Amino acid sequence: MSLASQSSSPFPGLDIAVVLPCYNEGATIAKVVQGFAAALPGARIVVFDNNSKDMTAVEARRAGAEVIRETRQGKGNVVRRMFADIDADVYVMADGDGTYDPADAVDLIRALVTERVDMAVGTRRDVTQDAGRKGHAVGNLLFNRLYRGLFGPDFSDIFSGYRAFTRRFVKSFPAVSTGFEIETEMSVHASQLRIPIIEIPLDYGRRVEGSASKLRTFRDGFRILMMFMMLLKETRPSVFYGALAGLFASAAVLLSIPLLITYVETGLVPRLPTAVLSMGLMIISALFGTIGLVLDSLARSRVEHKRILFLNVPALDRRGQDRVEEDLDVDIAALRAIAKLARRDEDRPAEIRQAS
C-alpha cells in the first residue's frame, strides 16, 4: 500500500483485502467493485470467478479488480481458495450481486478494530420476514432457530454473506464445505472456539433486474440441514450419538413393556423374537452412547489444537499497531536523512555550494 493510499484510507497501517465470490454477476459486479474502491481506498479488491458464463470477469477487470478463477463449482470451494491465496490483515467478504452496500464495510472493519473481535457479521435487517422469496424467509427463520438450539446463541443471521475477518480467523478456519453452507461452517467454527464476534444490523437490498439468485430452496436447504448434522457430529458427538442412543433405547423400552406385563401376569415370555429384538436395540443404544463418549474426548482434543493454531496468529490490534509504528519509523528515518543532508550542505563553504 502506497503512502498516498494510506493517507486516504480510513484504516492506515492495515492491509485490507476485499474478496468477492461471483457466479454470473456480470450485471452488478462493476458497481460493486467501484463501491468498495470508493469506500476503502488502497484496499486490494479480488473477484473470484466461479465458472461464470457471462461477462463477470471482464466487467470486474474493467472496474479495476483483480480476477482469479476457481474451477471447482460452489461457494465453499471459492471461499477456501480465497482464504488460502490472499494474505492480508483484514478480509472483507461480500456477494457480487449488489445486495450489500460497500460503504458498510467501513463499519464492519471499525468493529473489528475497536471491539477487538475476529469476525464482524453484517446481519440483514428483516431477512426472516422478506428474503426475496417466501420459502427463503421461512428457511432463514427455521435454520437460525435450529442453529441457536444446537450450537448456541452467538448468531442471529448465520447465512449473511457480508462479513469482515481478521487474519487469525481466516488462517485457522478449515473450510470443508463446498456450497452455500460455508457461512454455517464459519459460524460453527466461531462458536466452537469461542472466538469473539460481533453482529451489526445492515440494510439488505434487492437484486437488480437481470440478476438471478443461485440459491435453490429445497436442494440447498437439504444440503444445509446435512451440514448441520455433520457439524453437530464433529463438534458435539456426545449430543449427536446420545440422541441416537436415546432413540434406540426408547424403541427397546416400548417393545419390552408388553412383554414385561405378560411375564408378570403369567410368568412366561411367549414372544421370544420381540424380546430378542428389544435386547438388540438396547445393545445398539449402549454402543451409540459409548461411541459418543469416546468421540467427545477426541472432539475436545481437536478444539484444543484448533485453538492453539488460532492463537499462534497475532491479533489484529497488535499487527495494526506494529504496521503503523513501522510506517512512522520509515517516515522519521527519511526526515532525519533529509535534515542530515541539509546540515551537511550548510557546513560546506559558500563558494562550493554556489558551484554545485
Protein backbone atom coordinates (compact mmCIF):
# COMPACT_ATOMS: atom_id res chain seq x y z
CA MET A 1 0.00 0.00 0.00
CA SER A 2 1.45 3.38 -1.01
CA LEU A 3 1.74 6.43 1.24
CA ALA A 4 -0.97 8.17 -0.78
CA SER A 5 -3.31 5.23 -0.35
CA GLN A 6 -2.56 5.07 3.37
CA SER A 7 -3.30 8.75 3.85
CA SER A 8 -6.71 8.41 2.16
CA SER A 9 -7.59 5.07 3.75
CA PRO A 10 -9.88 5.14 6.82
CA PHE A 11 -7.59 2.48 8.33
CA PRO A 12 -3.96 3.44 7.66
CA GLY A 13 -1.45 0.78 8.58
CA LEU A 14 -3.75 -2.16 7.80
CA ASP A 15 -3.62 -4.32 4.67
CA ILE A 16 -7.25 -4.79 3.66
CA ALA A 17 -8.45 -7.31 1.08
CA VAL A 18 -11.98 -7.29 -0.32
CA VAL A 19 -12.79 -10.76 -1.63
CA LEU A 20 -15.88 -11.26 -3.79
CA PRO A 21 -17.05 -14.77 -4.78
CA CYS A 22 -19.02 -14.48 -8.02
CA TYR A 23 -21.01 -16.66 -10.38
CA ASN A 24 -22.80 -14.94 -13.27
CA GLU A 25 -22.84 -11.46 -11.68
CA GLY A 26 -21.90 -9.52 -14.81
CA ALA A 27 -24.84 -7.14 -14.38
CA THR A 28 -23.72 -5.89 -10.96
CA ILE A 29 -20.07 -6.69 -10.30
CA ALA A 30 -18.63 -3.47 -11.79
CA LYS A 31 -20.76 -1.30 -9.50
CA VAL A 32 -19.85 -3.46 -6.50
CA VAL A 33 -16.11 -3.19 -7.23
CA GLN A 34 -16.33 0.57 -7.71
CA GLY A 35 -18.27 0.89 -4.47
CA PHE A 36 -15.62 -0.94 -2.44
CA ALA A 37 -12.83 1.02 -4.14
CA ALA A 38 -14.52 4.26 -3.06
CA ALA A 39 -15.27 3.05 0.48
CA LEU A 40 -11.84 1.51 1.11
CA PRO A 41 -9.16 3.40 -0.87
CA GLY A 42 -5.99 1.37 -1.23
CA ALA A 43 -7.66 -1.96 -0.44
CA ARG A 44 -6.92 -4.95 -2.62
CA ILE A 45 -10.14 -5.97 -4.39
CA VAL A 46 -10.18 -9.52 -5.72
CA VAL A 47 -13.06 -11.11 -7.63
CA PHE A 48 -13.11 -14.91 -7.62
CA ASP A 49 -14.94 -16.02 -10.74
CA ASN A 50 -16.57 -19.42 -10.26
CA ASN A 51 -17.01 -20.54 -13.91
CA SER A 52 -19.32 -17.65 -14.84
CA LYS A 53 -20.95 -17.92 -18.26
CA ASP A 54 -21.47 -14.19 -18.62
CA MET A 55 -19.15 -11.15 -18.61
CA THR A 56 -18.43 -11.20 -14.86
CA ALA A 57 -14.63 -11.47 -15.20
CA VAL A 58 -14.44 -8.84 -17.95
CA GLU A 59 -16.62 -6.34 -16.08
CA ALA A 60 -14.64 -6.88 -12.86
CA ARG A 61 -11.32 -6.19 -14.60
CA ARG A 62 -12.71 -3.09 -16.29
CA ALA A 63 -13.79 -1.80 -12.87
CA GLY A 64 -10.23 -2.24 -11.57
CA ALA A 65 -10.48 -5.52 -9.65
CA GLU A 66 -8.03 -8.38 -9.71
CA VAL A 67 -9.74 -11.52 -11.06
CA ILE A 68 -8.90 -15.09 -10.06
CA ARG A 69 -10.74 -18.09 -11.46
CA GLU A 70 -11.81 -21.04 -9.29
CA THR A 71 -12.90 -24.02 -11.40
CA ARG A 72 -14.40 -26.12 -8.59
CA GLN A 73 -18.06 -25.15 -8.53
CA GLY A 74 -19.58 -23.98 -5.26
CA LYS A 75 -19.23 -21.04 -2.91
CA GLY A 76 -17.46 -23.15 -0.30
CA ASN A 77 -14.75 -24.06 -2.81
CA VAL A 78 -14.33 -20.39 -3.69
CA VAL A 79 -14.04 -19.29 -0.05
CA ARG A 80 -11.45 -22.00 0.63
CA ARG A 81 -9.39 -20.70 -2.31
CA MET A 82 -9.80 -17.07 -1.22
CA PHE A 83 -8.63 -17.72 2.32
CA ALA A 84 -5.68 -19.82 1.13
CA ASP A 85 -4.38 -17.49 -1.59
CA ILE A 86 -4.95 -14.00 -0.18
CA ASP A 87 -2.75 -12.61 2.56
CA ALA A 88 -3.94 -9.53 4.45
CA ASP A 89 -4.57 -8.12 7.91
CA VAL A 90 -8.31 -7.73 7.34
CA TYR A 91 -10.59 -9.57 4.91
CA VAL A 92 -13.97 -8.26 3.80
CA MET A 93 -16.20 -10.83 2.10
CA ALA A 94 -19.35 -9.83 0.25
CA ASP A 95 -21.51 -11.07 -2.59
CA GLY A 96 -21.18 -9.66 -6.07
CA ASP A 97 -24.93 -9.24 -6.62
CA GLY A 98 -25.16 -5.70 -5.25
CA THR A 99 -27.47 -6.58 -2.33
CA TYR A 100 -24.90 -5.33 0.21
CA ASP A 101 -23.79 -1.70 0.46
CA PRO A 102 -19.97 -1.43 0.07
CA ALA A 103 -19.96 1.66 2.29
CA ASP A 104 -20.96 -0.55 5.25
CA ALA A 105 -17.57 -2.28 5.06
CA VAL A 106 -16.09 0.64 6.99
CA ASP A 107 -18.40 -0.11 9.92
CA LEU A 108 -17.51 -3.81 9.83
CA ILE A 109 -13.76 -3.15 9.88
CA ARG A 110 -14.11 -0.48 12.55
CA ALA A 111 -15.93 -3.03 14.71
CA LEU A 112 -13.04 -5.48 14.29
CA VAL A 113 -10.56 -2.86 15.47
CA THR A 114 -12.49 -1.09 18.22
CA GLU A 115 -14.26 -4.13 19.69
CA ARG A 116 -11.20 -6.40 19.28
CA VAL A 117 -13.18 -9.19 17.68
CA ASP A 118 -12.15 -11.60 14.93
CA MET A 119 -15.34 -11.66 12.87
CA ALA A 120 -17.91 -8.94 12.24
CA VAL A 121 -21.15 -10.11 10.62
CA GLY A 122 -23.42 -7.74 8.76
CA THR A 123 -26.82 -9.13 9.70
CA ARG A 124 -29.60 -8.45 7.24
CA ARG A 125 -32.46 -6.39 8.64
CA ASP A 126 -35.84 -8.15 8.38
CA VAL A 127 -34.37 -11.02 6.37
CA THR A 128 -36.54 -13.57 8.20
CA GLN A 129 -39.62 -11.64 7.06
CA ASP A 130 -38.53 -10.96 3.50
CA ALA A 131 -35.60 -12.72 1.86
CA GLY A 132 -36.75 -12.19 -1.72
CA ARG A 133 -38.78 -15.41 -1.65
CA LYS A 134 -41.26 -16.63 0.94
CA GLY A 135 -39.52 -20.02 1.09
CA HIS A 136 -36.16 -18.38 1.74
CA ALA A 137 -37.60 -16.23 4.55
CA VAL A 138 -39.12 -19.27 6.27
CA GLY A 139 -35.90 -21.23 5.80
CA ASN A 140 -33.82 -18.42 7.32
CA LEU A 141 -36.10 -18.30 10.36
CA LEU A 142 -36.10 -22.08 10.93
CA PHE A 143 -32.38 -22.62 10.36
CA ASN A 144 -31.38 -19.72 12.61
CA ARG A 145 -33.53 -21.09 15.41
CA LEU A 146 -32.13 -24.57 14.86
CA TYR A 147 -28.59 -23.20 14.97
CA ARG A 148 -29.17 -21.44 18.28
CA GLY A 149 -30.63 -24.64 19.72
CA LEU A 150 -27.71 -26.82 18.61
CA PHE A 151 -24.65 -24.58 18.77
CA GLY A 152 -25.50 -21.59 20.96
CA PRO A 153 -26.96 -18.07 20.78
CA ASP A 154 -23.96 -16.30 19.21
CA PHE A 155 -25.58 -15.60 15.82
CA SER A 156 -28.94 -14.31 14.64
CA ASP A 157 -28.23 -14.49 10.87
CA ILE A 158 -25.94 -17.40 10.05
CA PHE A 159 -26.44 -17.05 6.29
CA SER A 160 -25.21 -13.49 5.93
CA GLY A 161 -22.60 -13.24 3.20
CA TYR A 162 -21.29 -9.83 4.32
CA ARG A 163 -18.50 -10.38 6.86
CA ALA A 164 -15.16 -8.98 7.92
CA PHE A 165 -12.45 -11.22 9.37
CA THR A 166 -9.07 -10.87 10.99
CA ARG A 167 -6.14 -12.79 9.61
CA ARG A 168 -6.10 -15.23 12.51
CA PHE A 169 -9.71 -16.21 11.90
CA VAL A 170 -9.10 -16.79 8.20
CA LYS A 171 -5.89 -18.79 8.64
CA SER A 172 -7.40 -21.03 11.34
CA PHE A 173 -10.67 -21.74 9.50
CA PRO A 174 -10.67 -25.27 7.94
CA ALA A 175 -13.34 -24.56 5.25
CA VAL A 176 -14.51 -28.08 4.39
CA SER A 177 -17.87 -27.06 2.88
CA THR A 178 -18.37 -26.84 -0.87
CA GLY A 179 -21.56 -24.80 -1.31
CA PHE A 180 -23.77 -22.18 0.33
CA GLU A 181 -23.42 -23.93 3.69
CA ILE A 182 -19.98 -22.31 4.09
CA GLU A 183 -21.43 -19.45 6.18
CA THR A 184 -22.88 -22.00 8.60
CA GLU A 185 -19.45 -23.61 8.95
CA MET A 186 -17.90 -20.21 9.69
CA SER A 187 -20.44 -19.61 12.42
CA VAL A 188 -19.90 -23.03 14.00
CA HIS A 189 -16.12 -22.50 13.90
CA ALA A 190 -16.52 -19.26 15.85
CA SER A 191 -18.97 -20.79 18.34
CA GLN A 192 -16.83 -23.89 18.90
CA LEU A 193 -13.60 -21.98 19.60
CA ARG A 194 -15.37 -19.18 21.49
CA ILE A 195 -13.92 -16.69 19.03
CA PRO A 196 -15.08 -13.12 19.78
CA ILE A 197 -17.57 -11.91 17.17
CA ILE A 198 -19.94 -9.01 16.71
CA GLU A 199 -23.12 -8.58 14.67
CA ILE A 200 -24.03 -5.27 13.02
CA PRO A 201 -27.53 -4.86 11.54
CA LEU A 202 -27.30 -3.60 7.95
CA ASP A 203 -29.76 -2.87 5.19
CA TYR A 204 -30.19 -5.65 2.65
CA GLY A 205 -31.10 -4.69 -0.91
CA ARG A 206 -32.88 -6.48 -3.72
CA ARG A 207 -31.17 -7.90 -6.77
CA VAL A 208 -31.19 -5.75 -9.87
CA GLU A 209 -33.27 -6.81 -12.85
CA GLY A 210 -31.45 -9.46 -14.85
CA SER A 211 -29.60 -10.87 -11.83
CA ALA A 212 -30.93 -14.19 -10.52
CA SER A 213 -30.34 -15.89 -7.17
CA LYS A 214 -28.19 -19.02 -7.26
CA LEU A 215 -29.83 -20.42 -4.13
CA ARG A 216 -32.25 -23.33 -4.66
CA THR A 217 -34.77 -23.55 -1.82
CA PHE A 218 -35.11 -27.31 -1.37
CA ARG A 219 -31.77 -28.54 -2.74
CA ASP A 220 -29.63 -26.08 -0.80
CA GLY A 221 -31.91 -26.28 2.23
CA PHE A 222 -31.33 -30.05 2.35
CA ARG A 223 -27.57 -29.55 1.98
CA ILE A 224 -27.55 -27.02 4.80
CA LEU A 225 -29.52 -29.42 7.02
CA MET A 226 -26.99 -32.18 6.27
CA MET A 227 -24.19 -29.74 7.12
CA PHE A 228 -25.89 -29.04 10.45
CA MET A 229 -25.92 -32.76 11.22
CA MET A 230 -22.30 -33.24 10.11
CA LEU A 231 -21.07 -30.30 12.18
CA LEU A 232 -23.07 -31.50 15.17
CA LYS A 233 -21.48 -34.93 14.82
CA GLU A 234 -17.99 -33.43 14.55
CA THR A 235 -18.25 -30.73 17.22
CA ARG A 236 -20.73 -32.24 19.71
CA PRO A 237 -20.58 -36.03 19.24
CA SER A 238 -21.97 -36.71 22.71
CA VAL A 239 -25.18 -34.91 21.74
CA PHE A 240 -25.38 -36.49 18.27
CA TYR A 241 -24.74 -40.08 19.34
CA GLY A 242 -26.58 -39.54 22.62
CA ALA A 243 -29.71 -38.67 20.64
CA LEU A 244 -29.34 -41.87 18.59
CA ALA A 245 -28.76 -43.87 21.78
CA GLY A 246 -31.90 -42.39 23.31
CA LEU A 247 -33.91 -43.19 20.17
CA PHE A 248 -32.91 -46.87 20.15
CA ALA A 249 -33.35 -47.16 23.93
CA SER A 250 -36.87 -45.71 23.68
CA ALA A 251 -37.78 -48.20 20.95
CA ALA A 252 -36.41 -51.06 23.08
CA VAL A 253 -38.42 -49.98 26.11
CA LEU A 254 -41.64 -49.61 24.11
CA LEU A 255 -41.24 -53.12 22.70
CA SER A 256 -40.42 -54.62 26.10
CA ILE A 257 -43.34 -53.13 28.06
CA PRO A 258 -45.97 -55.63 26.76
CA LEU A 259 -43.50 -58.47 27.35
CA LEU A 260 -42.98 -57.41 30.96
CA ILE A 261 -46.73 -57.16 31.57
CA THR A 262 -47.26 -60.67 30.17
CA TYR A 263 -44.36 -62.03 32.21
CA VAL A 264 -45.75 -60.52 35.46
CA GLU A 265 -49.20 -61.94 34.76
CA THR A 266 -48.23 -65.43 33.50
CA GLY A 267 -44.53 -65.91 34.26
CA LEU A 268 -43.95 -66.65 30.55
CA VAL A 269 -42.31 -64.85 27.63
CA PRO A 270 -44.32 -66.13 24.65
CA ARG A 271 -42.98 -63.64 22.06
CA LEU A 272 -39.30 -64.54 22.05
CA PRO A 273 -38.43 -62.74 18.75
CA THR A 274 -39.76 -59.46 20.19
CA ALA A 275 -37.70 -59.99 23.33
CA VAL A 276 -34.58 -60.61 21.25
CA LEU A 277 -35.26 -57.50 19.14
CA SER A 278 -35.77 -55.40 22.26
CA MET A 279 -32.48 -56.62 23.73
CA GLY A 280 -30.67 -55.98 20.42
CA LEU A 281 -31.95 -52.40 20.28
CA MET A 282 -30.79 -51.82 23.84
CA ILE A 283 -27.31 -53.13 22.98
CA ILE A 284 -27.17 -50.79 19.95
CA SER A 285 -28.21 -47.92 22.24
CA ALA A 286 -25.36 -48.73 24.61
CA LEU A 287 -22.91 -48.83 21.69
CA PHE A 288 -24.01 -45.42 20.42
CA GLY A 289 -23.71 -43.98 23.93
CA THR A 290 -20.17 -45.36 24.27
CA ILE A 291 -19.18 -44.05 20.84
CA GLY A 292 -20.47 -40.60 21.81
CA LEU A 293 -18.41 -40.52 25.00
CA VAL A 294 -15.20 -41.62 23.23
CA LEU A 295 -15.62 -39.18 20.34
CA ASP A 296 -16.46 -36.36 22.73
CA SER A 297 -12.97 -36.68 24.23
CA LEU A 298 -11.43 -36.62 20.73
CA ALA A 299 -13.54 -33.59 19.79
CA ARG A 300 -12.30 -31.71 22.85
CA SER A 301 -8.73 -32.51 21.85
CA ARG A 302 -9.35 -31.20 18.33
CA VAL A 303 -10.78 -27.97 19.74
CA GLU A 304 -7.66 -27.51 21.86
CA HIS A 305 -5.41 -27.94 18.81
CA LYS A 306 -7.52 -25.58 16.69
CA ARG A 307 -7.46 -23.04 19.49
CA ILE A 308 -3.66 -23.24 19.70
CA LEU A 309 -3.44 -22.69 15.92
CA PHE A 310 -5.79 -19.72 16.22
CA LEU A 311 -3.71 -18.14 18.99
CA ASN A 312 -0.46 -18.61 17.05
CA VAL A 313 -1.53 -15.87 14.61
CA PRO A 314 -1.05 -12.33 16.01
CA ALA A 315 -4.19 -10.45 16.93
CA LEU A 316 -5.37 -7.62 14.69
CA ASP A 317 -4.70 -4.74 17.10
CA ARG A 318 -1.08 -5.83 17.57
CA ARG A 319 -0.48 -6.28 13.83
CA GLY A 320 -2.14 -2.96 13.03
CA GLN A 321 -0.20 -1.18 15.73
CA ASP A 322 3.07 -2.72 14.53
CA ARG A 323 2.33 -1.67 10.95
CA VAL A 324 1.59 1.92 11.95
CA GLU A 325 4.77 2.04 14.04
CA GLU A 326 6.80 0.69 11.10
CA ASP A 327 5.39 3.38 8.80
CA LEU A 328 6.21 6.09 11.33
CA ASP A 329 9.74 4.74 11.75
CA VAL A 330 10.25 4.88 7.97
CA ASP A 331 8.94 8.47 7.78
CA ILE A 332 11.07 9.62 10.74
CA ALA A 333 14.17 7.95 9.30
CA ALA A 334 13.59 9.68 5.95
CA LEU A 335 13.15 13.09 7.63
CA ARG A 336 16.32 12.58 9.64
CA ALA A 337 18.27 11.71 6.49
CA ILE A 338 16.98 14.82 4.72
CA ALA A 339 17.86 17.01 7.72
CA LYS A 340 21.34 15.49 7.89
CA LEU A 341 21.95 16.25 4.22
CA ALA A 342 20.69 19.80 4.72
CA ARG A 343 23.08 20.37 7.66
CA ARG A 344 25.98 18.91 5.68
CA ASP A 345 25.17 21.23 2.80
CA GLU A 346 25.11 24.25 5.16
CA ASP A 347 28.54 23.32 6.55
CA ARG A 348 30.12 23.40 3.10
CA PRO A 349 31.93 26.62 2.03
CA ALA A 350 29.73 29.14 0.23
CA GLU A 351 31.75 29.06 -3.00
CA ILE A 352 31.42 25.23 -3.19
CA ARG A 353 27.65 25.43 -2.62
CA GLN A 354 27.32 28.01 -5.39
CA ALA A 355 29.42 25.90 -7.76
CA SER A 356 27.35 22.81 -7.08
